[in-house]
Protein backbone atom coordinates (compact mmCIF):
# COMPACT_ATOMS: atom_id res chain seq x y z
CA MET A 1 140.97 60.43 143.38
CA GLY A 2 138.87 63.18 141.78
CA THR A 3 137.39 66.21 143.47
CA VAL A 4 133.95 65.59 144.99
CA ASP A 5 131.13 68.14 145.06
CA LEU A 6 129.63 67.68 148.54
CA ASN A 7 126.46 69.58 147.69
CA LYS A 8 125.35 66.79 145.35
CA TYR A 9 125.20 64.29 148.19
CA ASN A 10 123.55 66.33 150.94
CA LEU A 11 126.63 66.10 153.11
CA PRO A 12 127.43 68.87 155.65
CA GLN A 13 130.09 71.36 154.62
CA HIS A 14 133.53 71.06 156.13
CA ARG A 15 134.10 72.83 159.41
CA LYS A 16 137.04 73.07 161.72
CA ILE A 17 137.39 70.21 164.19
CA LYS A 18 136.40 71.31 167.68
CA ASN A 19 138.15 70.11 170.80
CA THR A 20 134.99 69.58 172.79
CA HIS A 21 135.47 68.73 176.48
CA GLU A 22 133.34 66.26 178.38
CA THR A 23 132.22 66.85 181.95
CA SER A 24 134.40 64.76 184.23
CA SER A 25 131.85 63.22 186.54
CA VAL A 26 131.04 59.60 187.29
CA PHE A 27 128.24 59.37 184.75
CA ASP A 28 129.42 61.62 181.94
CA PHE A 29 131.60 59.02 180.21
CA LEU A 30 128.62 56.62 179.92
CA ASN A 31 126.85 58.19 176.97
CA LYS A 32 129.07 60.93 175.49
CA ASP A 33 131.64 61.08 172.72
CA ILE A 34 133.88 63.88 171.55
CA SER A 35 131.90 65.49 168.76
CA LEU A 36 133.53 66.18 165.41
CA PHE A 37 130.58 68.03 163.91
CA GLY A 38 127.11 68.04 165.44
CA SER A 39 125.36 65.13 167.15
CA GLN A 40 126.75 61.62 166.81
CA LEU A 41 125.69 58.03 166.47
CA ASN A 42 125.47 56.29 169.80
CA ASP A 43 128.14 53.82 170.83
CA LYS A 44 126.00 50.77 170.10
CA LYS A 45 125.40 51.79 166.48
CA LYS A 46 129.07 52.59 166.01
CA GLU A 47 130.09 49.24 167.47
CA ARG A 48 127.76 47.42 165.10
CA PHE A 49 128.86 49.48 162.09
CA TYR A 50 132.57 48.81 162.64
CA SER A 51 131.91 45.14 163.39
CA GLU A 52 129.92 44.57 160.18
CA LEU A 53 132.34 46.53 158.01
CA HIS A 54 135.33 44.72 159.53
CA ILE A 55 133.79 41.27 158.93
CA LEU A 56 132.71 42.09 155.36
CA LEU A 57 136.11 43.51 154.34
CA LEU A 58 137.88 40.60 156.02
CA ALA A 59 135.73 38.25 153.90
CA GLY A 60 137.04 39.92 150.74
CA ILE A 61 134.01 42.07 149.91
CA ASP A 62 134.88 45.50 148.52
CA ILE A 63 134.15 48.63 150.58
CA LYS A 64 131.27 49.91 148.42
CA THR A 65 129.39 46.61 148.46
CA SER A 66 130.02 46.34 152.19
CA LEU A 67 128.47 49.77 152.76
CA GLU A 68 125.48 48.79 150.62
CA LEU A 69 124.93 45.77 152.85
CA VAL A 70 125.28 47.93 155.97
CA GLU A 71 122.78 50.41 154.52
CA GLU A 72 120.25 47.67 153.75
CA ASP A 73 120.55 46.40 157.31
CA GLN A 74 119.41 49.74 158.79
CA ILE A 75 115.86 50.11 160.12
CA ASN A 76 115.99 53.75 161.19
CA HIS A 77 115.43 56.14 158.23
CA LYS A 78 118.09 58.63 159.39
CA ASP A 79 120.68 55.88 159.82
CA LYS A 80 119.87 54.48 156.38
CA LYS A 81 120.34 57.94 154.83
CA LEU A 82 123.61 58.44 156.73
CA PHE A 83 125.17 55.25 155.39
CA SER A 84 123.71 55.93 151.94
CA ASP A 85 125.49 59.32 151.93
CA ILE A 86 128.74 57.67 153.03
CA LYS A 87 128.41 55.07 150.26
CA ASN A 88 127.66 57.73 147.63
CA TYR A 89 130.69 59.71 148.74
CA LEU A 90 132.90 56.67 148.10
CA ILE A 91 131.25 55.97 144.73
CA LYS A 92 132.18 59.49 143.56
CA GLY A 93 135.84 59.04 144.42
CA GLY A 94 136.14 59.85 148.12
CA ASN A 95 137.43 57.57 150.85
CA LEU A 96 135.89 56.26 154.07
CA SER A 97 137.65 58.59 156.52
CA GLU A 98 136.60 61.70 154.56
CA ALA A 99 133.04 60.36 154.23
CA ILE A 100 132.56 59.90 157.98
CA LYS A 101 134.24 63.27 158.60
CA TYR A 102 131.73 65.12 156.44
CA SER A 103 128.78 63.12 157.76
CA GLY A 104 129.14 64.91 161.11
CA LYS A 105 128.27 61.77 163.10
CA PHE A 106 131.71 60.52 164.10
CA SER A 107 134.54 61.73 166.35
CA ALA A 108 137.93 63.16 165.39
CA TYR A 109 139.45 60.07 166.98
CA GLU A 110 137.63 57.79 164.54
CA TYR A 111 138.35 60.02 161.54
CA TYR A 112 142.11 60.14 162.12
CA SER A 113 142.28 56.44 162.97
CA LEU A 114 140.57 55.51 159.69
CA GLN A 115 142.65 58.01 157.74
CA ILE A 116 145.86 56.49 159.08
CA GLY A 117 144.50 53.00 158.40
CA GLU A 118 143.83 53.93 154.78
CA GLU A 119 147.24 55.53 154.31
CA SER A 120 149.06 52.56 155.87
CA GLY A 121 146.94 49.86 154.20
CA ARG A 122 145.66 48.63 157.59
CA ILE A 123 142.05 49.76 157.29
CA VAL A 124 140.67 46.30 158.14
CA GLN A 125 142.74 46.10 161.32
CA VAL A 126 141.75 49.63 162.34
CA LEU A 127 138.06 48.81 161.84
CA GLY A 128 138.51 45.77 164.06
CA GLU A 129 140.21 47.87 166.75
CA LEU A 130 137.45 50.49 166.62
CA HIS A 131 134.85 47.74 167.00
CA ASN A 132 136.81 46.34 169.94
CA PHE A 133 137.08 49.80 171.53
CA PHE A 134 133.35 50.54 171.39
CA SER A 135 132.48 46.98 172.42
CA LYS A 136 134.54 47.32 175.60
CA LYS A 137 133.21 50.81 176.25
CA ILE A 138 129.61 49.55 176.02
CA LYS A 139 130.46 46.63 178.31
CA GLN A 140 131.93 49.04 180.88
CA ASN A 141 128.85 51.23 180.69
CA ARG A 142 126.52 48.30 181.27
CA GLN A 143 128.55 47.04 184.21
CA ILE A 144 128.51 50.45 185.91
CA ILE A 145 124.81 51.00 185.23
CA SER A 146 124.06 47.53 186.55
CA ALA A 147 126.08 48.18 189.71
CA LEU A 148 124.54 51.59 190.38
CA SER A 149 120.93 51.10 189.28
CA TYR A 150 119.83 49.07 192.31
CA PRO A 151 121.41 51.41 194.92
CA ILE A 152 119.92 54.44 193.16
CA ILE A 153 116.45 52.86 193.19
CA VAL A 154 116.84 52.03 196.89
CA LEU A 155 118.05 55.57 197.63
CA ILE A 156 115.09 57.14 195.79
CA THR A 157 112.74 54.80 197.65
CA ALA A 158 114.34 55.76 200.97
CA LEU A 159 114.02 59.47 200.24
CA GLY A 160 110.40 58.96 199.15
CA ALA A 161 109.61 57.05 202.34
CA ILE A 162 111.27 59.71 204.51
CA PHE A 163 109.41 62.48 202.68
CA PHE A 164 106.07 60.70 203.18
CA MET A 165 106.70 60.05 206.87
CA MET A 166 107.96 63.58 207.59
CA HIS A 167 105.19 65.27 205.61
CA PHE A 168 102.19 63.12 206.59
CA VAL A 169 102.87 60.54 209.32
CA VAL A 170 104.86 62.62 211.84
CA PRO A 171 102.42 65.61 211.79
CA MET A 172 99.56 63.20 212.45
CA PHE A 173 101.34 61.80 215.52
CA ALA A 174 102.24 65.34 216.62
CA ASP A 175 98.54 66.26 216.76
CA VAL A 176 97.84 63.21 218.91
CA PHE A 177 100.73 63.96 221.29
CA SER A 178 99.65 67.61 221.68
CA ARG A 179 96.28 66.45 223.08
CA PHE A 180 97.91 64.31 225.77
CA GLY A 181 100.37 66.99 226.84
CA GLY A 182 103.32 66.04 229.01
CA ASP A 183 107.00 65.92 228.22
CA LEU A 184 108.03 63.95 225.12
CA PRO A 185 111.26 61.96 224.67
CA TYR A 186 114.18 63.88 223.14
CA LEU A 187 114.20 61.73 219.98
CA THR A 188 110.47 62.35 219.42
CA LYS A 189 110.86 66.11 219.85
CA LEU A 190 113.83 66.13 217.48
CA ILE A 191 111.94 64.23 214.74
CA MET A 192 108.88 66.47 215.20
CA LYS A 193 111.06 69.57 214.93
CA ILE A 194 112.69 68.26 211.74
CA SER A 195 109.26 67.39 210.34
CA LYS A 196 107.94 70.89 211.04
CA SER A 197 110.96 72.51 209.41
CA PHE A 198 110.65 70.14 206.49
CA SER A 199 106.99 71.04 205.97
CA ASN A 200 107.70 74.78 206.22
CA TYR A 201 110.75 74.83 203.98
CA SER A 202 110.24 71.86 201.62
CA LEU A 203 109.64 74.13 198.62
CA HIS A 204 112.70 76.20 199.49
CA ILE A 205 114.79 73.04 199.80
CA LEU A 206 113.51 71.76 196.44
CA PHE A 207 114.25 75.12 194.78
CA PHE A 208 117.75 75.17 196.30
CA ILE A 209 118.49 71.65 195.04
CA LEU A 210 117.23 72.50 191.52
CA LEU A 211 119.31 75.69 191.56
CA ILE A 212 122.44 73.76 192.52
CA ILE A 213 121.80 71.21 189.74
CA PHE A 214 121.28 74.02 187.23
CA LEU A 215 124.49 75.81 188.26
CA LEU A 216 126.47 72.58 188.09
CA TYR A 217 125.06 71.86 184.63
CA LYS A 218 125.95 75.35 183.38
CA SER A 219 129.47 75.04 184.79
CA ARG A 220 130.12 71.51 183.56
CA ASP A 221 132.52 72.57 180.77
CA LYS A 222 134.45 75.17 182.76
CA VAL A 223 138.02 74.22 183.61
CA TRP A 224 137.74 75.06 187.33
CA PHE A 225 134.64 72.88 187.70
CA ARG A 226 136.13 69.96 185.78
CA LYS A 227 139.27 70.14 187.93
CA ILE A 228 137.41 70.33 191.26
CA SER A 229 134.86 67.64 190.35
CA SER A 230 137.50 65.20 189.07
CA ASP A 231 139.65 65.72 192.18
CA ALA A 232 136.60 65.15 194.40
CA ILE A 233 135.65 61.97 192.55
CA LEU A 234 139.16 60.53 192.81
CA LYS A 235 139.09 61.02 196.61
CA ILE A 236 135.90 58.96 197.07
CA PRO A 237 136.81 55.52 198.51
CA PHE A 238 136.48 52.66 195.98
CA VAL A 239 134.66 54.87 193.47
CA GLY A 240 137.71 57.08 192.86
CA GLU A 241 139.93 54.11 192.08
CA LEU A 242 137.28 52.65 189.78
CA VAL A 243 136.86 55.89 187.82
CA MET A 244 140.63 56.28 187.49
CA LYS A 245 140.98 52.75 186.07
CA ILE A 246 138.12 53.32 183.63
CA TYR A 247 139.86 56.33 182.12
CA LEU A 248 143.31 54.74 182.23
CA ALA A 249 141.84 51.77 180.34
CA ARG A 250 140.43 54.16 177.74
CA PHE A 251 143.78 55.98 177.54
CA CYS A 252 145.79 52.78 177.08
CA HIS A 253 143.37 51.34 174.53
CA SER A 254 143.40 54.56 172.50
CA MET A 255 147.21 54.66 172.55
CA ASN A 256 147.35 51.02 171.48
CA LEU A 257 145.03 51.67 168.53
CA LEU A 258 146.85 54.77 167.32
CA ILE A 259 150.43 53.54 167.82
CA SER A 260 149.65 50.20 166.16
CA ALA A 261 148.31 52.20 163.19
CA LYS A 262 151.75 53.88 162.95
CA THR A 263 150.44 57.25 164.14
CA PRO A 264 153.24 59.62 165.20
CA MET A 265 153.49 59.91 168.98
CA ILE A 266 152.67 63.64 169.06
CA GLN A 267 149.55 63.13 166.97
CA SER A 268 148.55 60.13 169.11
CA ILE A 269 148.82 62.19 172.30
CA GLU A 270 146.80 65.02 170.75
CA LEU A 271 144.00 62.66 169.64
CA VAL A 272 143.88 60.77 172.93
CA LYS A 273 143.65 64.10 174.77
CA LYS A 274 140.47 64.86 172.79
CA MET A 275 139.09 61.38 173.32
CA VAL A 276 139.56 60.58 177.02
CA GLY A 277 137.37 63.34 178.46
CA PHE A 278 138.81 63.29 182.00
CA TYR A 279 140.51 66.46 183.23
CA PRO A 280 143.55 65.00 185.10
CA ILE A 281 144.54 62.95 182.03
CA GLU A 282 143.74 65.78 179.59
CA TYR A 283 145.86 68.21 181.63
CA SER A 284 148.76 65.78 181.87
CA LEU A 285 148.68 65.05 178.13
CA SER A 286 148.84 68.77 177.33
CA ILE A 287 152.14 68.97 179.22
CA ILE A 288 153.37 65.58 177.99
CA GLU A 289 152.81 66.70 174.39
CA ALA A 290 155.15 69.67 174.93
CA GLU A 291 157.71 67.48 176.73
CA ILE A 292 157.83 64.96 173.86
CA LEU A 293 158.38 67.79 171.39
CA LYS A 294 161.50 68.66 173.40
CA GLY A 295 162.76 65.08 173.07
CA THR A 296 161.64 63.67 176.42
CA SER A 297 160.60 60.00 176.41
CA ILE A 298 156.95 59.01 176.95
CA TYR A 299 157.96 57.22 180.18
CA GLU A 300 159.70 60.27 181.66
CA SER A 301 156.80 62.53 180.66
CA LEU A 302 154.14 60.26 182.20
CA SER A 303 156.15 59.74 185.42
CA LYS A 304 155.66 63.41 186.37
CA PHE A 305 151.96 62.80 187.10
CA ASP A 306 150.53 60.78 189.99
CA ILE A 307 147.54 59.47 188.05
CA TYR A 308 149.86 57.04 186.18
CA ASN A 309 150.85 54.37 188.71
CA LYS A 310 154.38 53.00 189.13
CA ARG A 311 153.59 49.56 187.73
CA MET A 312 152.15 51.08 184.56
CA LEU A 313 155.16 53.38 184.21
CA SER A 314 157.63 50.52 184.67
CA LEU A 315 155.99 48.47 181.92
CA ILE A 316 155.86 51.47 179.57
CA ARG A 317 159.57 52.13 180.21
CA VAL A 318 160.48 48.57 179.23
CA ALA A 319 158.16 48.66 176.19
CA GLU A 320 159.68 51.95 175.04
CA GLU A 321 163.18 50.52 175.25
CA VAL A 322 162.27 47.52 173.08
CA ASN A 323 159.97 49.53 170.77
CA GLN A 324 156.83 47.57 171.74
CA LEU A 325 154.65 50.38 173.07
CA ASP A 326 151.54 49.38 171.09
CA ILE A 327 151.61 45.84 172.51
CA MET A 328 152.22 47.06 176.06
CA PHE A 329 149.42 49.62 175.91
CA GLY A 330 147.13 46.85 174.64
CA LYS A 331 148.08 44.59 177.56
CA LEU A 332 147.60 47.40 180.07
CA ALA A 333 144.21 48.29 178.60
CA GLN A 334 143.04 44.68 178.95
CA GLN A 335 144.25 44.51 182.55
CA TYR A 336 142.42 47.72 183.43
CA PHE A 337 139.26 46.50 181.70
CA ASP A 338 139.43 43.28 183.75
CA ASP A 339 140.03 45.23 186.98
CA VAL A 340 137.07 47.51 186.24
CA GLU A 341 134.84 44.49 185.63
CA HIS A 342 135.88 42.91 188.93
CA GLN A 343 135.63 46.12 190.99
CA THR A 344 132.27 47.08 189.50
CA GLY A 345 130.77 43.78 190.60
CA LEU A 346 132.43 44.10 194.01
CA ILE A 347 131.16 47.65 194.61
CA GLY A 348 127.68 46.67 193.46
CA SER A 349 127.56 43.74 195.89
CA MET A 350 128.80 45.99 198.72
CA ILE A 351 126.45 48.91 198.07
CA GLU A 352 123.24 46.85 197.97
CA PRO A 353 123.24 45.68 201.63
CA VAL A 354 124.50 49.10 202.80
CA MET A 355 121.57 50.84 201.09
CA ILE A 356 119.07 48.36 202.52
CA ILE A 357 120.48 48.89 206.03
CA PHE A 358 120.37 52.67 205.50
CA LEU A 359 116.72 52.56 204.44
CA GLY A 360 115.82 50.29 207.35
CA LEU A 361 117.59 52.48 209.90
CA MET A 362 115.97 55.70 208.66
CA VAL A 363 112.46 54.23 208.82
CA ALA A 364 113.18 52.54 212.16
CA VAL A 365 114.38 55.81 213.77
CA VAL A 366 111.18 57.64 212.75
CA LEU A 367 108.92 54.80 213.92
CA ILE A 368 110.72 54.43 217.25
CA ALA A 369 110.50 58.19 217.82
CA MET A 370 106.74 58.09 217.20
CA TYR A 371 106.04 55.05 219.36
CA LEU A 372 108.24 55.98 222.34
CA PRO A 373 105.60 58.34 223.87
CA MET A 374 103.02 55.59 223.52
CA PHE A 375 105.24 53.17 225.40
CA GLN A 376 105.78 55.74 228.12
CA LEU A 377 102.03 56.42 228.32
CA SER A 378 101.18 52.72 228.61
CA THR A 379 103.87 52.33 231.31
CA SER A 380 102.47 55.25 233.33
CA PHE A 381 98.91 53.83 233.09
CA GLY A 382 100.17 50.41 234.20
CA SER A 383 101.85 51.86 237.29
């Protein structure tokens, strides 16, 4: 292939690949990718791109014609220009992996996967695996959003109701009670005291919350924060196990894709470390990479870390002995994906009634506290 002048095609100049870390919190993996250069396409567009390209190449259509069809299918002007630039790069003698690398819209994981696919003659299979990867990732995201959206709405509603009652309703009752005099029930005095403190310090509380959010956001990429936050998440009942399985599924699927594309184990570990975006796995892979360089097996290296469970390790040990690691990682990834789907639905069905009960109890406590003096007053009048 000839040398290509990138300036002719409005493609960004080559820059060194950055090992960008993702924040390891419950929601961070939903919408982020590891950036190769600049901002990226979202997962849905990537999934569609790899799906269309895989189908077209599988049907015997050449890569340039396939990219022309993909370009024509774009509605967004920026997306159309992106795929036009990629097509023009190929027309002038480049290849697909280099084209997406210089576009700045794809991850290092995708670039190296496509590069290996081109070198090994398995580009069609790699495109299919990339489509499968993003399809499952999108499905996971939707399941988690679906499970959490209703509880979050209920929680916001509960907080709004409590704020309204503490800021407006309770002070109104307090004025009425002050006119009658007499001793009030303990619960009523407690709620009135909380309401008064809430009214006096609501702005301070709001400022403190915003400050905490800002500090967490600024610290999101720091190693100490990623370590503490990931450890805290893993200790949350049900949620911790779910998050762990989500990232183990991503780890296994990435290993399956890279090993099946005949990527050397060291390079596979390095790429997966950039892709997973979860500190406990990233940290373990940094050490595992050094262990493998010394000649240690993948099973022995993984077994030193608690995040990889015994069943997974046993299967990897057997697969390593029979040289079937790619198949085993694929099976494990599918099992984790299925477990995540089941647990997400289970957690969603459990959280909904809990949140409703929580909202009902909070409102009931405030109402009972406000009506107790009235009951006492009516009882004293009746006697």
